[in-house]
Protein backbone atom coordinates (compact mmCIF):
# COMPACT_ATOMS: atom_id res chain seq x y z
CA MET A 1 -2.76 -12.74 -24.66
CA TYR A 2 0.11 -13.42 -22.32
CA THR A 3 1.71 -16.57 -20.97
CA ILE A 4 2.06 -17.12 -17.24
CA GLY A 5 5.81 -16.54 -17.61
CA GLN A 6 5.28 -13.19 -19.30
CA VAL A 7 2.82 -12.12 -16.60
CA SER A 8 5.22 -13.30 -13.90
CA GLU A 9 7.95 -11.08 -15.35
CA MET A 10 5.58 -8.17 -15.93
CA PHE A 11 4.57 -8.02 -12.25
CA GLY A 12 7.63 -9.51 -10.59
CA LEU A 13 5.44 -12.25 -9.15
CA PRO A 14 6.39 -15.91 -8.89
CA ILE A 15 4.52 -18.21 -11.26
CA SER A 16 3.34 -20.12 -8.19
CA THR A 17 1.56 -16.96 -6.96
CA LEU A 18 -0.28 -16.59 -10.26
CA ARG A 19 -1.29 -20.26 -10.12
CA TYR A 20 -2.48 -19.74 -6.54
CA TYR A 21 -4.58 -16.73 -7.57
CA ASP A 22 -6.13 -18.84 -10.31
CA LYS A 23 -6.77 -21.74 -7.92
CA GLU A 24 -8.48 -19.30 -5.54
CA GLY A 25 -10.81 -18.19 -8.33
CA LEU A 26 -9.38 -14.72 -8.83
CA PHE A 27 -9.36 -15.19 -12.62
CA PRO A 28 -12.84 -16.59 -13.24
CA ASN A 29 -12.73 -16.10 -17.01
CA ILE A 30 -9.13 -17.03 -17.76
CA GLU A 31 -8.73 -18.81 -21.06
CA ARG A 32 -6.96 -22.15 -21.24
CA ILE A 33 -5.58 -23.56 -24.45
CA SER A 34 -4.60 -27.22 -24.07
CA GLY A 35 -4.57 -26.66 -20.31
CA ILE A 36 -2.20 -23.69 -20.53
CA ARG A 37 -3.37 -20.43 -19.01
CA ARG A 38 -3.56 -17.46 -21.36
CA PHE A 39 -3.85 -14.10 -19.62
CA SER A 40 -5.92 -11.43 -21.35
CA ASP A 41 -5.99 -7.70 -20.60
CA ALA A 42 -8.84 -8.44 -18.18
CA GLU A 43 -6.61 -10.70 -16.06
CA ILE A 44 -3.78 -8.16 -16.27
CA GLU A 45 -6.12 -5.49 -14.88
CA ALA A 46 -7.31 -7.95 -12.23
CA ILE A 47 -3.71 -8.50 -11.12
CA HIS A 48 -3.19 -4.73 -10.81
CA VAL A 49 -6.26 -4.57 -8.55
CA ILE A 50 -5.28 -7.70 -6.58
CA GLU A 51 -1.79 -6.36 -5.92
CA CYS A 52 -3.20 -2.97 -4.91
CA LEU A 53 -5.62 -4.58 -2.46
CA LYS A 54 -2.88 -6.83 -1.05
CA LYS A 55 -0.61 -3.84 -0.50
CA SER A 56 -3.49 -2.07 1.25
CA GLY A 57 -3.64 -4.91 3.77
CA MET A 58 -6.43 -7.09 2.41
CA GLU A 59 -6.25 -10.84 2.67
CA ILE A 60 -6.82 -13.14 -0.28
CA LYS A 61 -10.21 -14.30 1.04
CA GLU A 62 -11.42 -10.68 1.06
CA ILE A 63 -10.03 -10.12 -2.41
CA LYS A 64 -11.79 -13.29 -3.51
CA GLN A 65 -15.06 -11.83 -2.22
CA PHE A 66 -14.43 -8.67 -4.24
CA MET A 67 -13.76 -10.70 -7.37
CA GLN A 68 -16.99 -12.62 -6.75
CA TRP A 69 -18.87 -9.34 -6.55
CA CYS A 70 -17.35 -8.35 -9.90
CA THR A 71 -18.84 -11.44 -11.51
CA GLU A 72 -22.26 -10.67 -10.00
CA GLY A 73 -22.61 -7.46 -11.97
CA SER A 74 -23.87 -3.97 -11.28
CA SER A 75 -25.94 -4.89 -8.23
CA THR A 76 -22.69 -5.12 -6.26
CA TYR A 77 -21.37 -1.67 -7.20
CA PRO A 78 -22.24 -0.25 -3.75
CA LEU A 79 -20.39 -3.11 -2.02
CA ARG A 80 -17.35 -2.66 -4.23
CA LYS A 81 -17.34 1.10 -3.71
CA GLU A 82 -17.56 0.65 0.07
CA LEU A 83 -14.67 -1.82 0.00
CA PHE A 84 -12.45 0.66 -1.84
CA GLU A 85 -13.50 3.55 0.41
CA ASN A 86 -12.60 1.49 3.49
CA ARG A 87 -9.23 0.53 1.99
CA ARG A 88 -8.57 4.18 1.06
CA LYS A 89 -9.32 5.33 4.61
CA SER A 90 -7.09 2.62 6.04
CA VAL A 91 -4.19 3.55 3.74
CA GLU A 92 -4.67 7.27 4.48
CA ASN A 93 -4.45 6.49 8.22
CA GLU A 94 -1.28 4.47 7.65
CA ILE A 95 0.21 7.30 5.60
CA GLU A 96 -0.57 9.79 8.39
CA GLN A 97 1.13 7.53 10.95
CA MET A 98 4.13 7.13 8.67
CA GLN A 99 4.25 10.91 8.14
CA LYS A 100 4.46 11.38 11.92
CA THR A 101 7.25 8.83 12.01
CA LEU A 102 9.07 10.61 9.19
CA ASP A 103 8.66 13.96 10.94
CA MET A 104 10.17 12.52 14.13
CA LEU A 105 13.10 11.15 12.13
CA ARG A 106 13.61 14.52 10.45
CA PHE A 107 13.44 16.28 13.79
CA LYS A 108 15.98 13.92 15.33
CA CYS A 109 18.33 14.33 12.33
CA TRP A 110 18.19 18.10 12.86
CA TYR A 111 18.56 17.61 16.62
CA TYR A 112 21.76 15.60 16.33
CA GLU A 113 23.20 17.76 13.54
CA LYS A 114 22.78 20.73 15.86
CA ALA A 115 24.12 18.83 18.89
CA ILE A 116 27.20 17.81 16.92
CA LYS A 117 27.72 21.39 15.67
CA ASP A 118 27.19 22.88 19.16
CA GLY A 119 29.09 20.15 20.99
CA SER A 120 26.16 19.58 23.36
CA GLU A 121 22.39 19.39 23.62
CA GLU A 122 22.06 22.41 25.92
CA ASN A 123 20.97 24.90 23.25
CA ILE A 124 18.42 22.47 21.85
CA ASN A 125 16.98 21.64 25.26
CA ALA A 126 16.62 25.35 25.95
CA MET A 127 14.43 25.63 22.81
CA LEU A 128 12.19 22.68 23.68
CA PRO A 129 9.27 22.31 23.52
CA ASP A 130 8.12 25.46 21.71
CA GLN A 131 11.07 27.70 20.81
CA LEU A 132 12.47 25.73 17.89
CA PRO A 133 12.99 27.20 14.40
CA ALA A 134 9.59 27.30 12.66
CA ASP A 135 10.22 24.45 10.20
CA ILE A 136 11.66 22.23 12.92
CA GLN A 137 8.88 23.22 15.32
CA ALA A 138 6.32 22.00 12.77
CA LEU A 139 8.08 18.63 12.55
CA TYR A 140 8.34 18.37 16.32
CA ASN A 141 4.69 19.30 16.87
CA HIS A 142 3.39 16.88 14.24
CA ALA A 143 5.55 14.03 15.57
CA HIS A 144 4.21 14.63 19.09
CA GLU A 145 0.50 14.89 18.26
C-alpha cells in the first residue's frame, strides 16, 4: 500500500491530480484508513492506464467511462478493446505525422549544411525534386507526401 505522497512522487503527479482522479471515480475500490487514501497495486496500475490514455488524447470523462466499464466486468471487454484500438490508431496517425515533420527537419538540416558548404543553394536546387542523394531523397519524398 502506498500513500498519496508516495504515489505523487512515483508518477511525478501533483497530489491534487490524484485527489481529482479519486473525486472523478477513477479509483472505485481505493481503500481509506481513517479517511486517508491508501493506494494498492490496482490503483497504481490504474494510474499507468489513466496516464497512457491522457497522453493518447483522451479526456477524463472518456477515461471515466473506461473505468466504469472495468467495474462492469467481462461483458464490456469488446468496448474496452475497441477503445484501445481507436487510441492506438490515433497515436499511430500522430506518429506518422510527426515522422513526416522529422523528415522535413532532417532534409532542411542537410539542405542548409550543403548550402553553407557550397556557398549557395544552386547545386541543391538543381537536384530538386528528384535528383537528391538516395537517403535525402527518401526524407524529401516522405516529407512531401
